C-alpha atoms as a PDB file:
ATOM      1  CA  MET A   1      92.155  34.157-120.621  1.00  0.00           C
ATOM      2  CA  ALA A   2      92.262  37.946-120.703  1.00  0.00           C
ATOM      3  CA  GLN A   3      91.406  39.945-117.582  1.00  0.00           C
ATOM      4  CA  ALA A   4      88.804  42.705-117.881  1.00  0.00           C
ATOM      5  CA  ASP A   5      89.678  46.250-116.821  1.00  0.00           C
ATOM      6  CA  ILE A   6      87.968  47.396-113.629  1.00  0.00           C
ATOM      7  CA  ALA A   7      85.801  50.321-114.716  1.00  0.00           C
ATOM      8  CA  GLN A   8      84.979  51.174-111.073  1.00  0.00           C
ATOM      9  CA  LYS A   9      84.788  49.347-107.749  1.00  0.00           C
ATOM     10  CA  ALA A  10      81.052  49.926-107.411  1.00  0.00           C
ATOM     11  CA  PRO A  11      77.959  49.090-109.449  1.00  0.00           C
ATOM     12  CA  PHE A  12      76.499  51.416-112.070  1.00  0.00           C
ATOM     13  CA  PRO A  13      72.831  52.240-111.376  1.00  0.00           C
ATOM     14  CA  LEU A  14      70.821  52.337-114.596  1.00  0.00           C
ATOM     15  CA  GLU A  15      67.136  52.908-115.244  1.00  0.00           C
ATOM     16  CA  VAL A  16      66.021  50.290-117.779  1.00  0.00           C
ATOM     17  CA  GLU A  17      62.833  50.204-119.835  1.00  0.00           C
ATOM     18  CA  ALA A  18      60.668  47.106-120.225  1.00  0.00           C
ATOM     19  CA  GLY A  19      61.210  45.426-123.584  1.00  0.00           C
ATOM     20  CA  LYS A  20      64.422  47.307-124.352  1.00  0.00           C
ATOM     21  CA  THR A  21      67.747  45.547-125.021  1.00  0.00           C
ATOM     22  CA  TYR A  22      71.008  46.689-123.414  1.00  0.00           C
ATOM     23  CA  PHE A  23      74.566  45.542-124.057  1.00  0.00           C
ATOM     24  CA  TRP A  24      76.723  45.477-120.923  1.00  0.00           C
ATOM     25  CA  CYS A  25      80.428  46.207-121.331  1.00  0.00           C
ATOM     26  CA  ALA A  26      82.361  43.097-120.283  1.00  0.00           C
ATOM     27  CA  CYS A  27      85.857  44.412-121.088  1.00  0.00           C
ATOM     28  CA  GLY A  28      85.810  47.491-118.856  1.00  0.00           C
ATOM     29  CA  LYS A  29      87.115  49.804-121.594  1.00  0.00           C
ATOM     30  CA  SER A  30      83.850  51.459-122.686  1.00  0.00           C
ATOM     31  CA  ALA A  31      83.585  55.223-122.190  1.00  0.00           C
ATOM     32  CA  ASN A  32      79.820  54.666-121.924  1.00  0.00           C
ATOM     33  CA  GLN A  33      79.865  52.471-118.768  1.00  0.00           C
ATOM     34  CA  PRO A  34      78.153  50.240-117.965  1.00  0.00           C
ATOM     35  CA  LEU A  35      77.097  49.886-121.579  1.00  0.00           C
ATOM     36  CA  CYS A  36      79.232  48.830-124.523  1.00  0.00           C
ATOM     37  CA  ASP A  37      80.623  51.396-126.956  1.00  0.00           C
ATOM     38  CA  GLY A  38      82.612  48.941-129.094  1.00  0.00           C
ATOM     39  CA  SER A  39      85.932  49.424-127.258  1.00  0.00           C
ATOM     40  CA  HIS A  40      86.291  45.632-126.987  1.00  0.00           C
ATOM     41  CA  GLN A  41      87.071  45.370-130.716  1.00  0.00           C
ATOM     42  CA  GLY A  42      90.240  43.318-131.218  1.00  0.00           C
ATOM     43  CA  SER A  43      90.051  41.783-127.735  1.00  0.00           C
ATOM     44  CA  ASP A  44      88.787  38.475-126.355  1.00  0.00           C
ATOM     45  CA  PHE A  45      85.701  40.202-124.905  1.00  0.00           C
ATOM     46  CA  LEU A  46      82.159  40.560-126.183  1.00  0.00           C
ATOM     47  CA  PRO A  47      79.358  42.617-124.657  1.00  0.00           C
ATOM     48  CA  MET A  48      76.570  40.780-122.838  1.00  0.00           C
ATOM     49  CA  LYS A  49      73.015  41.226-124.037  1.00  0.00           C
ATOM     50  CA  TYR A  50      70.424  42.076-121.382  1.00  0.00           C
ATOM     51  CA  GLU A  51      66.707  42.336-122.136  1.00  0.00           C
ATOM     52  CA  ALA A  52      64.721  44.289-119.550  1.00  0.00           C
ATOM     53  CA  LYS A  53      61.550  42.500-118.506  1.00  0.00           C
ATOM     54  CA  GLN A  54      60.240  45.511-116.565  1.00  0.00           C
ATOM     55  CA  SER A  55      61.018  49.192-116.187  1.00  0.00           C
ATOM     56  CA  THR A  56      63.126  49.597-113.043  1.00  0.00           C
ATOM     57  CA  LYS A  57      66.516  50.662-111.696  1.00  0.00           C
ATOM     58  CA  LEU A  58      69.167  47.953-111.887  1.00  0.00           C
ATOM     59  CA  TYR A  59      72.771  47.868-110.704  1.00  0.00           C
ATOM     60  CA  PHE A  60      75.143  46.738-113.426  1.00  0.00           C
ATOM     61  CA  CYS A  61      78.585  45.427-112.463  1.00  0.00           C
ATOM     62  CA  GLY A  62      81.379  47.992-112.666  1.00  0.00           C
ATOM     63  CA  CYS A  63      84.305  45.829-111.550  1.00  0.00           C
ATOM     64  CA  LYS A  64      83.655  43.185-114.244  1.00  0.00           C
ATOM     65  CA  GLN A  65      84.251  40.396-111.672  1.00  0.00           C
ATOM     66  CA  THR A  66      80.599  39.504-110.958  1.00  0.00           C
ATOM     67  CA  GLN A  67      79.407  35.910-111.133  1.00  0.00           C
ATOM     68  CA  GLY A  68      75.920  37.229-111.948  1.00  0.00           C
ATOM     69  CA  ALA A  69      76.797  39.163-115.101  1.00  0.00           C
ATOM     70  CA  PRO A  70      75.706  41.668-116.090  1.00  0.00           C
ATOM     71  CA  LEU A  71      74.324  42.626-112.674  1.00  0.00           C
ATOM     72  CA  CYS A  72      76.391  43.383-109.579  1.00  0.00           C
ATOM     73  CA  ASP A  73      76.768  40.579-107.042  1.00  0.00           C
ATOM     74  CA  GLY A  74      79.008  42.487-104.620  1.00  0.00           C
ATOM     75  CA  SER A  75      82.294  41.065-105.962  1.00  0.00           C
ATOM     76  CA  HIS A  76      83.769  44.584-105.919  1.00  0.00           C
ATOM     77  CA  SER A  77      83.912  44.448-102.109  1.00  0.00           C
ATOM     78  CA  ASP A  78      86.660  41.785-102.382  1.00  0.00           C
ATOM     79  CA  LEU A  79      88.923  43.907-104.603  1.00  0.00           C
END
């Protein structure tokens, strides 16, 4: 299985809006981190859909190693 690029060793804070859909970059190549910009094309990766249930600030995984994708679970502290 392909290994994702580490975009950064910290989460990306993002204000989300209730009812809006976001696509988290799973490959680590997007220039629009933490969101997908299509850079995964031709790879084994696909973006992960996230639907915001409420308007709030969330912390999306930047290292791409989280077990709680797309949100940070602290896995970056082990890198």
